[in-house]
C-alpha atoms as a PDB file:
ATOM      1  CA  MET A   1       9.212  13.735  38.577  1.00  0.00           C
ATOM      2  CA  SER A   2       7.816  12.790  35.181  1.00  0.00           C
ATOM      3  CA  HIS A   3      10.126  11.334  32.539  1.00  0.00           C
ATOM      4  CA  PHE A   4       7.529  11.334  29.780  1.00  0.00           C
ATOM      5  CA  THR A   5       8.589  12.804  26.459  1.00  0.00           C
ATOM      6  CA  ARG A   6       5.960  14.240  24.150  1.00  0.00           C
ATOM      7  CA  VAL A   7       6.802  14.453  20.451  1.00  0.00           C
ATOM      8  CA  ARG A   8       4.481  16.188  18.009  1.00  0.00           C
ATOM      9  CA  THR A   9       4.362  14.175  14.789  1.00  0.00           C
ATOM     10  CA  GLN A  10       3.370  14.862  11.195  1.00  0.00           C
ATOM     11  CA  LEU A  11       0.838  12.038  11.466  1.00  0.00           C
ATOM     12  CA  HIS A  12      -2.896  12.791  11.550  1.00  0.00           C
ATOM     13  CA  HIS A  13      -4.964   9.604  11.335  1.00  0.00           C
ATOM     14  CA  LEU A  14      -4.989   7.227  14.301  1.00  0.00           C
ATOM     15  CA  ASP A  15      -6.396   4.355  12.239  1.00  0.00           C
ATOM     16  CA  THR A  16      -3.488   4.565   9.785  1.00  0.00           C
ATOM     17  CA  ILE A  17      -1.024   4.784  12.691  1.00  0.00           C
ATOM     18  CA  ARG A  18      -2.592   1.634  14.164  1.00  0.00           C
ATOM     19  CA  ARG A  19      -2.223  -0.193  10.839  1.00  0.00           C
ATOM     20  CA  ALA A  20       1.395   0.982  10.495  1.00  0.00           C
ATOM     21  CA  LEU A  21       2.273  -0.231  13.992  1.00  0.00           C
ATOM     22  CA  GLU A  22       0.595  -3.592  13.391  1.00  0.00           C
ATOM     23  CA  ASP A  23       2.435  -3.965  10.060  1.00  0.00           C
ATOM     24  CA  LEU A  24       5.670  -3.383  11.987  1.00  0.00           C
ATOM     25  CA  GLY A  25       4.762  -6.254  14.301  1.00  0.00           C
ATOM     26  CA  TYR A  26       3.505  -4.371  17.360  1.00  0.00           C
ATOM     27  CA  THR A  27       0.391  -5.201  19.334  1.00  0.00           C
ATOM     28  CA  VAL A  28      -1.709  -2.060  19.701  1.00  0.00           C
ATOM     29  CA  GLY A  29      -4.315  -1.308  22.349  1.00  0.00           C
ATOM     30  CA  LYS A  30      -5.893   1.627  24.176  1.00  0.00           C
ATOM     31  CA  GLY A  31      -5.422   2.910  27.683  1.00  0.00           C
ATOM     32  CA  ASP A  32      -2.521   4.036  29.811  1.00  0.00           C
ATOM     33  CA  VAL A  33       1.076   4.493  28.706  1.00  0.00           C
ATOM     34  CA  ARG A  34       3.217   3.132  31.533  1.00  0.00           C
ATOM     35  CA  GLY A  35       6.439   4.836  32.589  1.00  0.00           C
ATOM     36  CA  PHE A  36       8.941   5.073  35.421  1.00  0.00           C
ATOM     37  CA  GLY A  37       7.680   4.646  38.975  1.00  0.00           C
ATOM     38  CA  ASP A  38       4.129   3.596  38.102  1.00  0.00           C
ATOM     39  CA  GLN A  39       3.515   6.902  36.339  1.00  0.00           C
ATOM     40  CA  HIS A  40       1.150   6.845  33.400  1.00  0.00           C
ATOM     41  CA  VAL A  41      -0.614   9.022  30.837  1.00  0.00           C
ATOM     42  CA  VAL A  42      -3.729   8.211  28.799  1.00  0.00           C
ATOM     43  CA  ALA A  43      -3.381   7.652  25.039  1.00  0.00           C
ATOM     44  CA  ASP A  44      -5.603   6.701  22.120  1.00  0.00           C
ATOM     45  CA  LEU A  45      -3.149   4.014  20.956  1.00  0.00           C
ATOM     46  CA  VAL A  46      -0.738   2.156  23.235  1.00  0.00           C
ATOM     47  CA  VAL A  47       2.119  -0.093  22.133  1.00  0.00           C
ATOM     48  CA  ARG A  48       3.533  -2.499  24.709  1.00  0.00           C
ATOM     49  CA  VAL A  49       7.257  -2.479  23.907  1.00  0.00           C
ATOM     50  CA  ASP A  50       9.021  -3.175  27.175  1.00  0.00           C
ATOM     51  CA  GLY A  51       8.218  -5.001  30.390  1.00  0.00           C
ATOM     52  CA  SER A  52       7.067  -1.894  32.242  1.00  0.00           C
ATOM     53  CA  HIS A  53       7.122   0.884  29.617  1.00  0.00           C
ATOM     54  CA  ASP A  54       4.915   1.697  26.639  1.00  0.00           C
ATOM     55  CA  ILE A  55       4.720   4.099  23.718  1.00  0.00           C
ATOM     56  CA  GLY A  56       1.464   5.935  23.134  1.00  0.00           C
ATOM     57  CA  PHE A  57      -0.106   8.080  20.451  1.00  0.00           C
ATOM     58  CA  ARG A  58      -2.840  10.573  21.196  1.00  0.00           C
ATOM     59  CA  GLN A  59      -4.864  13.022  19.166  1.00  0.00           C
ATOM     60  CA  ILE A  60      -4.191  16.617  20.213  1.00  0.00           C
ATOM     61  CA  ARG A  61      -5.967  19.444  18.373  1.00  0.00           C
ATOM     62  CA  GLY A  62      -5.918  17.923  14.883  1.00  0.00           C
ATOM     63  CA  SER A  63      -2.495  16.328  15.079  1.00  0.00           C
ATOM     64  CA  VAL A  64      -1.035  13.321  16.845  1.00  0.00           C
ATOM     65  CA  GLU A  65       1.697  13.296  19.456  1.00  0.00           C
ATOM     66  CA  MET A  66       3.798  10.362  20.536  1.00  0.00           C
ATOM     67  CA  VAL A  67       4.270  10.049  24.295  1.00  0.00           C
ATOM     68  CA  ALA A  68       6.568   7.708  26.202  1.00  0.00           C
ATOM     69  CA  ASP A  69       9.064   7.439  29.018  1.00  0.00           C
ATOM     70  CA  PHE A  70      12.112   6.682  26.863  1.00  0.00           C
ATOM     71  CA  TRP A  71      14.457   7.188  29.815  1.00  0.00           C
ATOM     72  CA  GLU A  72      14.828   3.472  30.651  1.00  0.00           C
ATOM     73  CA  MET A  73      13.675   2.022  27.322  1.00  0.00           C
ATOM     74  CA  ASN A  74      15.957   0.209  24.918  1.00  0.00           C
ATOM     75  CA  ILE A  75      14.319   1.954  21.950  1.00  0.00           C
ATOM     76  CA  ASN A  76      15.633   4.996  20.115  1.00  0.00           C
ATOM     77  CA  GLN A  77      12.659   7.354  19.838  1.00  0.00           C
ATOM     78  CA  GLN A  78      13.803   8.916  16.556  1.00  0.00           C
ATOM     79  CA  GLU A  79      14.371   5.563  14.855  1.00  0.00           C
ATOM     80  CA  PHE A  80      11.050   4.232  16.148  1.00  0.00           C
ATOM     81  CA  LEU A  81       9.108   7.280  14.943  1.00  0.00           C
ATOM     82  CA  GLN A  82      10.934   7.220  11.597  1.00  0.00           C
ATOM     83  CA  LYS A  83       9.886   3.594  10.985  1.00  0.00           C
ATOM     84  CA  VAL A  84       6.283   4.332  11.970  1.00  0.00           C
ATOM     85  CA  THR A  85       6.217   7.454   9.789  1.00  0.00           C
ATOM     86  CA  GLN A  86       7.618   5.584   6.774  1.00  0.00           C
ATOM     87  CA  ARG A  87       5.034   2.809   7.127  1.00  0.00           C
ATOM     88  CA  TYR A  88       2.274   5.409   7.687  1.00  0.00           C
ATOM     89  CA  ALA A  89       3.289   7.208   4.460  1.00  0.00           C
ATOM     90  CA  HIS A  90       3.372   3.904   2.576  1.00  0.00           C
ATOM     91  CA  LEU A  91      -0.141   2.987   3.725  1.00  0.00           C
ATOM     92  CA  THR A  92      -1.419   6.490   2.922  1.00  0.00           C
ATOM     93  CA  VAL A  93      -0.039   6.281  -0.636  1.00  0.00           C
ATOM     94  CA  LEU A  94      -1.629   2.851  -1.137  1.00  0.00           C
ATOM     95  CA  ASP A  95      -4.983   4.061   0.222  1.00  0.00           C
ATOM     96  CA  GLN A  96      -5.045   7.188  -1.953  1.00  0.00           C
ATOM     97  CA  ALA A  97      -3.906   5.309  -5.054  1.00  0.00           C
ATOM     98  CA  ALA A  98      -6.628   2.682  -4.549  1.00  0.00           C
ATOM     99  CA  LYS A  99      -9.255   5.444  -4.283  1.00  0.00           C
ATOM    100  CA  GLN A 100      -8.090   6.689  -7.694  1.00  0.00           C
ATOM    101  CA  GLY A 101      -8.288   3.225  -9.247  1.00  0.00           C
ATOM    102  CA  PHE A 102      -4.611   2.253  -9.131  1.00  0.00           C
ATOM    103  CA  ALA A 103      -3.417  -1.244  -8.281  1.00  0.00           C
ATOM    104  CA  VAL A 104       0.042  -2.264  -7.084  1.00  0.00           C
ATOM    105  CA  VAL A 105       1.951  -4.145  -9.776  1.00  0.00           C
ATOM    106  CA  ALA A 106       5.268  -4.406  -7.914  1.00  0.00           C
ATOM    107  CA  GLU A 107       6.689  -3.388  -4.570  1.00  0.00           C
ATOM    108  CA  GLU A 108      10.365  -3.510  -3.630  1.00  0.00           C
ATOM    109  CA  THR A 109      12.269  -2.442  -0.523  1.00  0.00           C
ATOM    110  CA  LEU A 110      15.643  -1.047  -1.577  1.00  0.00           C
ATOM    111  CA  GLU A 111      18.940  -1.384   0.296  1.00  0.00           C
ATOM    112  CA  ASP A 112      18.604   2.105   1.792  1.00  0.00           C
ATOM    113  CA  GLY A 113      15.210   1.194   3.264  1.00  0.00           C
ATOM    114  CA  SER A 114      13.143   3.161   0.770  1.00  0.00           C
ATOM    115  CA  VAL A 115      10.213   1.473  -0.946  1.00  0.00           C
ATOM    116  CA  ARG A 116       9.700   1.442  -4.700  1.00  0.00           C
ATOM    117  CA  LEU A 117       6.101   1.025  -5.877  1.00  0.00           C
ATOM    118  CA  VAL A 118       4.924   0.353  -9.407  1.00  0.00           C
ATOM    119  CA  MET A 119       1.214   0.943  -9.949  1.00  0.00           C
ATOM    120  CA  GLN A 120      -1.151   0.800 -12.865  1.00  0.00           C
ATOM    121  CA  ARG A 121      -4.671   1.868 -13.644  1.00  0.00           C
ATOM    122  CA  TRP A 122      -6.900   0.646 -16.421  1.00  0.00           C
ATOM    123  CA  SER A 123      -8.949   3.304 -18.150  1.00  0.00           C
END
């Protein structure tokens, strides 16, 4: 019996997901997501988080789903995805701002975990 959970995300770009995961301190690869009883599924990005279990991200029809066997993992899937999503959004804002000529003047992480950015652009 498979224990894999598939979660459709609001994330769309695997490269930005990779950068977000690496910024959060994870090592990211490609290949199989390992789960209970030597079960596995193929993913575009694989994060090795536990001795025998992984978290994967794979592109499915224009969106990205997270897949993992969270059953025996010591990671809360909602908290994990929330951290990845926040970092993904942060990187997306920085990328889009840079394309429009903005530069980061100040960046601060507030007590509630939100990030305050101050940007400027010279005309």
